[in-house]
Protein backbone atom coordinates (compact mmCIF):
# COMPACT_ATOMS: atom_id res chain seq x y z
CA MET A 1 1.19 -57.68 -8.34
CA PRO A 2 -1.94 -57.48 -6.09
CA LEU A 3 -0.40 -55.90 -3.10
CA CYS A 4 1.57 -52.85 -3.30
CA VAL A 5 5.29 -52.92 -2.73
CA ASN A 6 4.82 -51.06 0.80
CA ALA A 7 1.76 -53.05 1.80
CA ARG A 8 3.34 -54.97 4.56
CA ASN A 9 4.59 -51.81 6.49
CA LEU A 10 1.20 -49.98 5.89
CA ILE A 11 -0.72 -53.01 7.20
CA ARG A 12 1.59 -53.37 10.24
CA ALA A 13 1.45 -49.47 11.08
CA ASN A 14 -2.56 -49.71 11.13
CA LEU A 15 -2.63 -52.70 13.19
CA GLU A 16 -0.11 -51.38 15.73
CA GLU A 17 -1.82 -48.07 15.86
CA ILE A 18 -5.40 -50.25 16.62
CA GLN A 19 -3.33 -52.26 19.01
CA ASN A 20 -2.39 -48.85 20.73
CA GLY A 21 -5.66 -47.65 20.97
CA GLY A 22 -5.43 -45.38 18.26
CA LYS A 23 -7.78 -44.53 15.19
CA VAL A 24 -6.70 -45.43 11.52
CA ARG A 25 -7.49 -44.03 8.19
CA PRO A 26 -7.91 -46.53 5.20
CA ILE A 27 -5.18 -47.34 3.40
CA ILE A 28 -4.77 -48.78 -0.20
CA ILE A 29 -3.04 -51.86 0.08
CA GLY A 30 -3.14 -53.24 -3.49
CA THR A 31 -5.11 -53.90 -6.52
CA LEU A 32 -7.20 -57.16 -7.76
CA THR A 33 -5.79 -58.69 -10.95
CA THR A 34 -7.97 -58.28 -14.09
CA VAL A 35 -9.29 -61.79 -13.77
CA GLN A 36 -10.29 -61.41 -10.16
CA LEU A 37 -11.96 -58.17 -10.57
CA ALA A 38 -13.86 -59.52 -13.60
CA ALA A 39 -15.04 -62.54 -11.41
CA ILE A 40 -16.16 -60.18 -8.78
CA ASN A 41 -17.70 -57.69 -11.00
CA ALA A 42 -19.64 -60.60 -13.08
CA SER A 43 -21.22 -61.93 -9.64
CA ARG A 44 -22.11 -58.38 -8.63
CA GLU A 45 -23.59 -57.79 -11.91
CA ALA A 46 -25.87 -61.23 -11.95
CA ASP A 47 -26.97 -59.82 -8.53
CA GLY A 48 -27.92 -56.28 -9.87
CA ARG A 49 -25.25 -54.43 -7.72
CA PRO A 50 -22.85 -52.03 -9.04
CA PRO A 51 -19.25 -52.97 -10.36
CA VAL A 52 -16.06 -52.23 -8.03
CA ILE A 53 -12.49 -51.14 -8.89
CA ALA A 54 -9.36 -53.06 -8.58
CA GLU A 55 -7.96 -50.86 -5.84
CA VAL A 56 -8.44 -52.34 -2.32
CA VAL A 57 -8.19 -50.32 0.81
CA PHE A 58 -7.99 -51.64 4.64
CA PHE A 59 -8.49 -50.40 7.88
CA GLY A 60 -7.68 -53.49 10.22
CA ALA A 61 -10.13 -53.10 13.04
CA HIS A 62 -12.00 -56.35 12.32
CA VAL A 63 -9.04 -58.16 11.50
CA TYR A 64 -7.25 -57.18 14.29
CA ARG A 65 -10.41 -58.01 16.81
CA SER A 66 -10.94 -61.47 15.32
CA ARG A 67 -7.36 -62.72 14.46
CA VAL A 68 -5.07 -60.93 17.09
CA LEU A 69 -7.49 -60.64 19.79
CA GLY A 70 -9.83 -63.51 19.30
CA ASP A 71 -7.53 -66.10 17.92
CA GLY A 72 -4.33 -65.09 19.48
CA TYR A 73 -2.12 -64.45 16.22
CA THR A 74 0.46 -62.07 16.18
CA ILE A 75 0.53 -59.05 13.69
CA GLU A 76 3.21 -60.64 11.78
CA ASP A 77 0.81 -63.85 11.31
CA VAL A 78 -1.86 -61.49 10.17
CA ILE A 79 0.32 -59.77 7.40
CA ASP A 80 1.43 -63.08 6.24
CA GLN A 81 -2.19 -64.31 6.02
CA ILE A 82 -3.22 -61.02 4.01
CA SER A 83 0.05 -61.60 1.68
CA SER A 84 -0.93 -65.02 0.74
CA ALA A 85 -4.82 -64.24 0.44
CA MET A 86 -4.17 -61.30 -1.72
CA ASP A 87 -1.98 -63.14 -4.21
CA GLU A 88 -2.33 -62.90 -7.76
CA GLY A 89 -2.92 -66.85 -8.14
CA SER A 90 -5.91 -66.36 -5.52
CA VAL A 91 -9.30 -67.77 -6.66
CA VAL A 92 -12.53 -65.59 -6.20
CA ASN A 93 -15.44 -67.14 -4.44
CA THR A 94 -18.77 -65.23 -4.35
CA THR A 95 -22.09 -66.04 -2.63
CA SER A 96 -24.75 -63.91 -2.10
CA GLN A 97 -23.34 -63.45 1.55
CA MET A 98 -19.70 -63.04 0.71
CA THR A 99 -17.08 -61.70 -1.66
CA ALA A 100 -13.71 -63.55 -1.22
CA MET A 101 -10.95 -64.75 -2.84
CA GLU A 102 -8.61 -67.71 -1.38
CA ASN A 103 -5.15 -68.83 -2.23
CA PRO A 104 -5.31 -72.49 -3.81
CA ASP A 105 -1.76 -73.10 -2.55
CA LYS A 106 -1.29 -74.05 0.98
CA ARG A 107 1.01 -72.22 3.01
CA ALA A 108 3.13 -73.49 6.10
CA ASP A 109 2.20 -70.92 8.98
CA ARG A 110 4.29 -70.66 12.16
CA TYR A 111 2.15 -73.14 13.98
CA GLY A 112 2.68 -76.36 12.05
CA ASN A 113 -0.47 -76.13 9.83
CA GLN A 114 -0.83 -75.98 6.38
CA VAL A 115 -3.49 -73.36 5.29
CA LYS A 116 -5.10 -71.79 2.53
CA ASP A 117 -5.54 -68.13 3.20
CA ARG A 118 -9.06 -66.43 2.36
CA ALA A 119 -9.45 -62.82 2.05
CA VAL A 120 -12.98 -61.54 2.74
CA PHE A 121 -14.17 -58.04 1.06
CA GLU A 122 -16.82 -55.64 2.19
CA CYS A 123 -17.82 -54.11 -1.17
CA THR A 124 -20.61 -51.65 0.02
CA ALA A 125 -19.20 -49.32 2.71
CA ARG A 126 -16.19 -47.72 0.73
CA HIS A 127 -17.61 -48.47 -2.84
CA PRO A 128 -16.41 -48.63 -5.63
CA ARG A 129 -13.43 -49.58 -3.53
CA PRO A 130 -13.46 -53.03 -1.96
CA GLU A 131 -12.47 -53.10 1.63
CA LEU A 132 -10.16 -55.98 2.83
CA TYR A 133 -12.76 -56.87 5.90
CA SER A 134 -11.21 -60.07 7.12
CA VAL A 135 -8.81 -62.84 6.50
CA VAL A 136 -9.17 -66.53 7.24
CA PRO A 137 -6.32 -69.22 7.53
CA LYS A 138 -8.45 -72.00 6.64
CA GLY A 139 -6.96 -75.23 7.90
CA ASP A 140 -5.60 -73.97 11.04
CA ALA A 141 -6.19 -76.70 13.45
CA LYS A 142 -3.43 -75.97 15.72
CA LYS A 143 -3.62 -72.42 16.93
CA PRO A 144 -1.25 -69.80 18.66
CA THR A 145 -1.16 -70.13 22.48
């Protein structure tokens, strides 16, 4: 399973600490599946970049700024987005600009949308571990108010 058993609590703790103005440390929230890791590393190898390992770390500052402050989502919304995007069935999508994976199954969010959650990874700063840098609920026509 890509997310650790206690990942939701760890993610919540980091996001709440950021909300309260505190500093956070990287936390390990899960692992990529063998298939996901192979797809990411095949793309990295083709571009001459070193491979990453399966363990995924998370800080949360960018996610908090973009999804909570920017889009008005709650911390619980963001945790749902991350849980869905990090699903074992999520499919890797890499370009020269981005390493991501998206859950191909739509999820009903709290606002009446059917979304496909996308996790975006930063694979350089914390190398060899990919960092879950952002999450995007694709298809969120109606946003929280």
